[in-house]
Amino acid sequence: MNREKILKYTFFTLIGIIILFFGLREAYLHVSLSLPEEQEIPASEMVETLDSLMGDYHKTRDILTIPTILNYLSKLNTFEYGKHKAAVIGFLTGLLHEEGRDHAKYWKKLKISRQAKKAIDIALVVEPKIDDLLNSDESLKDIQSIDFYWGYFAATYDMRCIKLIIKTKNDKQRPEKVREAAERSLEYNRMRHNF
């Protein structure tokens, strides 16, 4: 090919690429702008859904609900996440203990927030120690521990969790607010889980 034909070919190819780029850009903007807007779900609704999904897991044993749970966890704001973090970590710890630690690498590949990935990491650290923790003679020290064991219970229905929470409720050496939290949680979860 001579130099003139190469320049013509390059020129028309470049023009074609530019037209294609702007055409695809317009098509993308048209489609993305015409999609209905996703309505923001209120935090209270997300928490209720997250709580229901975790609470009902033991009935279905459907491991495919975990991506949904992690997605809801990812959408919680920092305040709500902080309130429910212990229960979620307990739940994930129970899942890893029951279903196997290999699931964690698949969960971490999902499009989830850093806080959800961190919860998985913490569950991976706690899971090897869980049997020792559940067989402890000590009562639970704080409300977050109570929440953690309820989360673990939701995943496993391990009755050792209930024993620890009852022990905490009856331990006069624990602060009153911790004992009251244990008692309230027992009443709430007794109706919910029928134990």
Protein backbone atom coordinates (compact mmCIF):
# COMPACT_ATOMS: atom_id res chain seq x y z
CA MET A 1 0.00 0.00 0.00
CA ASN A 2 1.21 3.43 -0.73
CA ARG A 3 1.48 6.16 1.84
CA GLU A 4 -1.66 8.01 0.66
CA LYS A 5 -3.88 4.92 1.00
CA ILE A 6 -2.51 4.23 4.49
CA LEU A 7 -3.30 7.80 5.57
CA LYS A 8 -6.85 7.57 4.12
CA TYR A 9 -7.41 4.21 5.80
CA THR A 10 -6.11 5.54 9.15
CA PHE A 11 -8.20 8.71 8.84
CA PHE A 12 -11.47 6.84 8.11
CA THR A 13 -10.76 4.28 10.82
CA LEU A 14 -10.21 7.07 13.34
CA ILE A 15 -13.42 8.82 12.26
CA GLY A 16 -15.29 5.50 12.57
CA ILE A 17 -13.95 4.93 16.08
CA ILE A 18 -14.93 8.45 17.16
CA ILE A 19 -18.46 8.05 15.77
CA LEU A 20 -18.79 4.63 17.41
CA PHE A 21 -17.57 6.01 20.75
CA PHE A 22 -20.04 8.90 20.79
CA GLY A 23 -22.86 6.69 19.53
CA LEU A 24 -22.29 4.13 22.28
CA ARG A 25 -21.95 6.90 24.84
CA GLU A 26 -25.30 8.38 23.84
CA ALA A 27 -26.95 4.95 23.86
CA TYR A 28 -25.57 4.27 27.35
CA LEU A 29 -26.73 7.65 28.70
CA HIS A 30 -30.16 7.20 27.14
CA VAL A 31 -30.61 3.76 28.69
CA SER A 32 -29.17 4.68 32.09
CA LEU A 33 -31.24 7.86 32.32
CA SER A 34 -34.43 6.08 31.35
CA LEU A 35 -34.09 3.37 34.02
CA PRO A 36 -36.35 3.92 37.03
CA GLU A 37 -34.52 5.31 40.01
CA GLU A 38 -33.81 2.89 42.80
CA GLN A 39 -35.68 4.01 45.87
CA GLU A 40 -33.64 4.20 49.01
CA ILE A 41 -34.77 1.69 51.61
CA PRO A 42 -35.12 3.16 55.10
CA ALA A 43 -32.56 1.85 57.61
CA SER A 44 -35.27 0.40 59.87
CA GLU A 45 -36.65 -1.67 56.99
CA MET A 46 -33.18 -2.91 56.07
CA VAL A 47 -32.53 -3.93 59.68
CA GLU A 48 -35.88 -5.76 59.87
CA THR A 49 -35.13 -7.60 56.64
CA LEU A 50 -31.61 -8.45 57.75
CA ASP A 51 -32.95 -9.68 61.09
CA SER A 52 -35.63 -11.78 59.37
CA LEU A 53 -33.19 -13.32 56.90
CA MET A 54 -30.81 -14.29 59.69
CA GLY A 55 -33.63 -15.47 61.97
CA ASP A 56 -35.21 -17.65 59.29
CA TYR A 57 -31.97 -19.13 57.97
CA HIS A 58 -32.07 -22.22 60.17
CA LYS A 59 -35.51 -23.15 58.79
CA THR A 60 -34.40 -23.02 55.16
CA ARG A 61 -30.67 -23.78 55.44
CA ASP A 62 -30.40 -22.04 52.08
CA ILE A 63 -26.80 -20.89 51.73
CA LEU A 64 -27.88 -18.78 48.74
CA THR A 65 -29.54 -16.30 51.13
CA ILE A 66 -26.10 -15.30 52.42
CA PRO A 67 -25.31 -12.97 49.47
CA THR A 68 -28.61 -11.21 50.18
CA ILE A 69 -27.72 -10.88 53.85
CA LEU A 70 -24.28 -9.50 52.96
CA ASN A 71 -25.88 -7.09 50.49
CA TYR A 72 -28.23 -5.74 53.18
CA LEU A 73 -25.32 -5.51 55.59
CA SER A 74 -23.41 -3.48 52.98
CA LYS A 75 -26.24 -0.97 52.71
CA LEU A 76 -26.48 -0.24 56.43
CA ASN A 77 -25.13 3.10 57.49
CA THR A 78 -22.28 3.17 59.99
CA PHE A 79 -24.57 3.75 62.98
CA GLU A 80 -26.93 0.86 62.16
CA TYR A 81 -24.03 -1.39 61.26
CA GLY A 82 -22.41 -0.64 64.62
CA LYS A 83 -25.60 -1.63 66.45
CA HIS A 84 -25.95 -4.96 64.60
CA LYS A 85 -22.31 -5.80 63.93
CA ALA A 86 -21.93 -8.33 66.78
CA ALA A 87 -25.03 -10.31 65.76
CA VAL A 88 -23.96 -10.40 62.11
CA ILE A 89 -20.44 -11.54 63.02
CA GLY A 90 -21.94 -14.22 65.25
CA PHE A 91 -24.19 -15.34 62.42
CA LEU A 92 -21.31 -15.48 59.93
CA THR A 93 -19.18 -17.35 62.47
CA GLY A 94 -21.97 -19.92 62.84
CA LEU A 95 -22.27 -20.30 59.08
CA LEU A 96 -18.54 -20.83 58.68
CA HIS A 97 -18.57 -23.35 61.51
CA GLU A 98 -21.55 -25.25 60.09
CA GLU A 99 -21.03 -24.93 56.35
CA GLY A 100 -17.24 -24.70 56.12
CA ARG A 101 -14.68 -21.92 55.98
CA ASP A 102 -14.33 -22.19 52.20
CA HIS A 103 -17.53 -20.20 51.74
CA ALA A 104 -15.79 -17.05 52.99
CA LYS A 105 -13.62 -16.69 49.87
CA TYR A 106 -16.75 -16.74 47.67
CA TRP A 107 -18.59 -14.25 49.87
CA LYS A 108 -15.65 -11.85 49.74
CA LYS A 109 -15.77 -11.88 45.92
CA LEU A 110 -19.31 -10.44 45.99
CA LYS A 111 -19.87 -6.73 45.45
CA ILE A 112 -20.21 -5.90 49.13
CA SER A 113 -18.93 -3.08 51.30
CA ARG A 114 -15.65 -3.06 53.18
CA GLN A 115 -17.58 -3.35 56.44
CA ALA A 116 -19.22 -6.57 55.23
CA LYS A 117 -15.85 -7.97 54.13
CA LYS A 118 -14.38 -7.01 57.49
CA ALA A 119 -17.23 -8.83 59.27
CA ILE A 120 -16.33 -11.96 57.28
CA ASP A 121 -12.67 -11.53 58.25
CA ILE A 122 -13.56 -11.25 61.93
CA ALA A 123 -15.79 -14.33 61.69
CA LEU A 124 -12.88 -16.23 60.14
CA VAL A 125 -10.70 -15.31 63.11
CA VAL A 126 -13.33 -16.21 65.73
CA GLU A 127 -14.59 -19.46 64.14
CA PRO A 128 -11.66 -21.71 65.15
CA LYS A 129 -12.11 -20.61 68.80
CA ILE A 130 -15.89 -20.93 68.94
CA ASP A 131 -16.10 -24.33 70.64
CA ASP A 132 -13.85 -23.12 73.47
CA LEU A 133 -15.94 -19.96 73.81
CA LEU A 134 -19.21 -21.91 73.88
CA ASN A 135 -17.91 -24.34 76.49
CA SER A 136 -16.72 -21.55 78.80
CA ASP A 137 -17.79 -21.59 82.43
CA GLU A 138 -17.94 -17.80 82.50
CA SER A 139 -20.99 -15.71 81.76
CA LEU A 140 -20.94 -13.07 79.03
CA LYS A 141 -19.38 -9.73 79.88
CA ASP A 142 -21.34 -7.30 77.69
CA ILE A 143 -24.37 -6.76 75.47
CA GLN A 144 -22.32 -7.18 72.26
CA SER A 145 -21.41 -10.70 73.39
CA ILE A 146 -25.09 -11.48 73.91
CA ASP A 147 -25.84 -10.22 70.40
CA PHE A 148 -22.94 -12.26 68.99
CA TYR A 149 -24.29 -15.49 70.51
CA TRP A 150 -27.82 -14.80 69.27
CA GLY A 151 -26.38 -14.37 65.79
CA TYR A 152 -24.47 -17.62 66.17
CA PHE A 153 -27.62 -19.31 67.46
CA ALA A 154 -29.61 -18.11 64.41
CA ALA A 155 -27.13 -19.88 62.14
CA THR A 156 -26.65 -23.07 64.15
CA TYR A 157 -29.38 -23.48 66.79
CA ASP A 158 -26.56 -24.48 69.15
CA MET A 159 -28.19 -24.63 72.60
CA ARG A 160 -24.89 -23.78 74.29
CA CYS A 161 -25.61 -20.18 73.27
CA ILE A 162 -28.85 -20.23 75.29
CA LYS A 163 -27.03 -21.68 78.31
CA LEU A 164 -24.45 -18.88 78.19
CA ILE A 165 -27.16 -16.22 77.97
CA ILE A 166 -29.15 -17.76 80.84
CA LYS A 167 -25.93 -17.94 82.87
CA THR A 168 -25.38 -14.23 82.12
CA LYS A 169 -28.94 -13.36 83.14
CA ASN A 170 -28.42 -15.06 86.53
CA ASP A 171 -24.86 -13.84 87.19
CA LYS A 172 -25.09 -11.22 89.95
CA GLN A 173 -21.48 -10.19 89.28
CA ARG A 174 -22.40 -8.80 85.88
CA PRO A 175 -23.71 -5.23 85.53
CA GLU A 176 -27.48 -4.93 85.80
CA LYS A 177 -27.83 -3.61 82.23
CA VAL A 178 -26.07 -6.72 80.89
CA ARG A 179 -28.31 -9.05 82.94
CA GLU A 180 -31.42 -7.17 81.81
CA ALA A 181 -30.30 -7.31 78.17
CA ALA A 182 -29.80 -11.07 78.50
CA GLU A 183 -33.28 -11.47 80.00
CA ARG A 184 -34.97 -9.30 77.35
CA SER A 185 -33.19 -11.14 74.57
CA LEU A 186 -34.26 -14.51 75.99
CA GLU A 187 -37.91 -13.42 76.10
CA TYR A 188 -37.80 -12.01 72.58
CA ASN A 189 -36.01 -14.99 71.02
CA ARG A 190 -38.00 -17.63 72.94
CA MET A 191 -41.13 -16.58 71.05
CA ARG A 192 -39.27 -16.27 67.79
CA HIS A 193 -37.31 -19.51 67.81
CA ASN A 194 -39.61 -21.64 69.96
CA PHE A 195 -37.01 -23.16 72.29
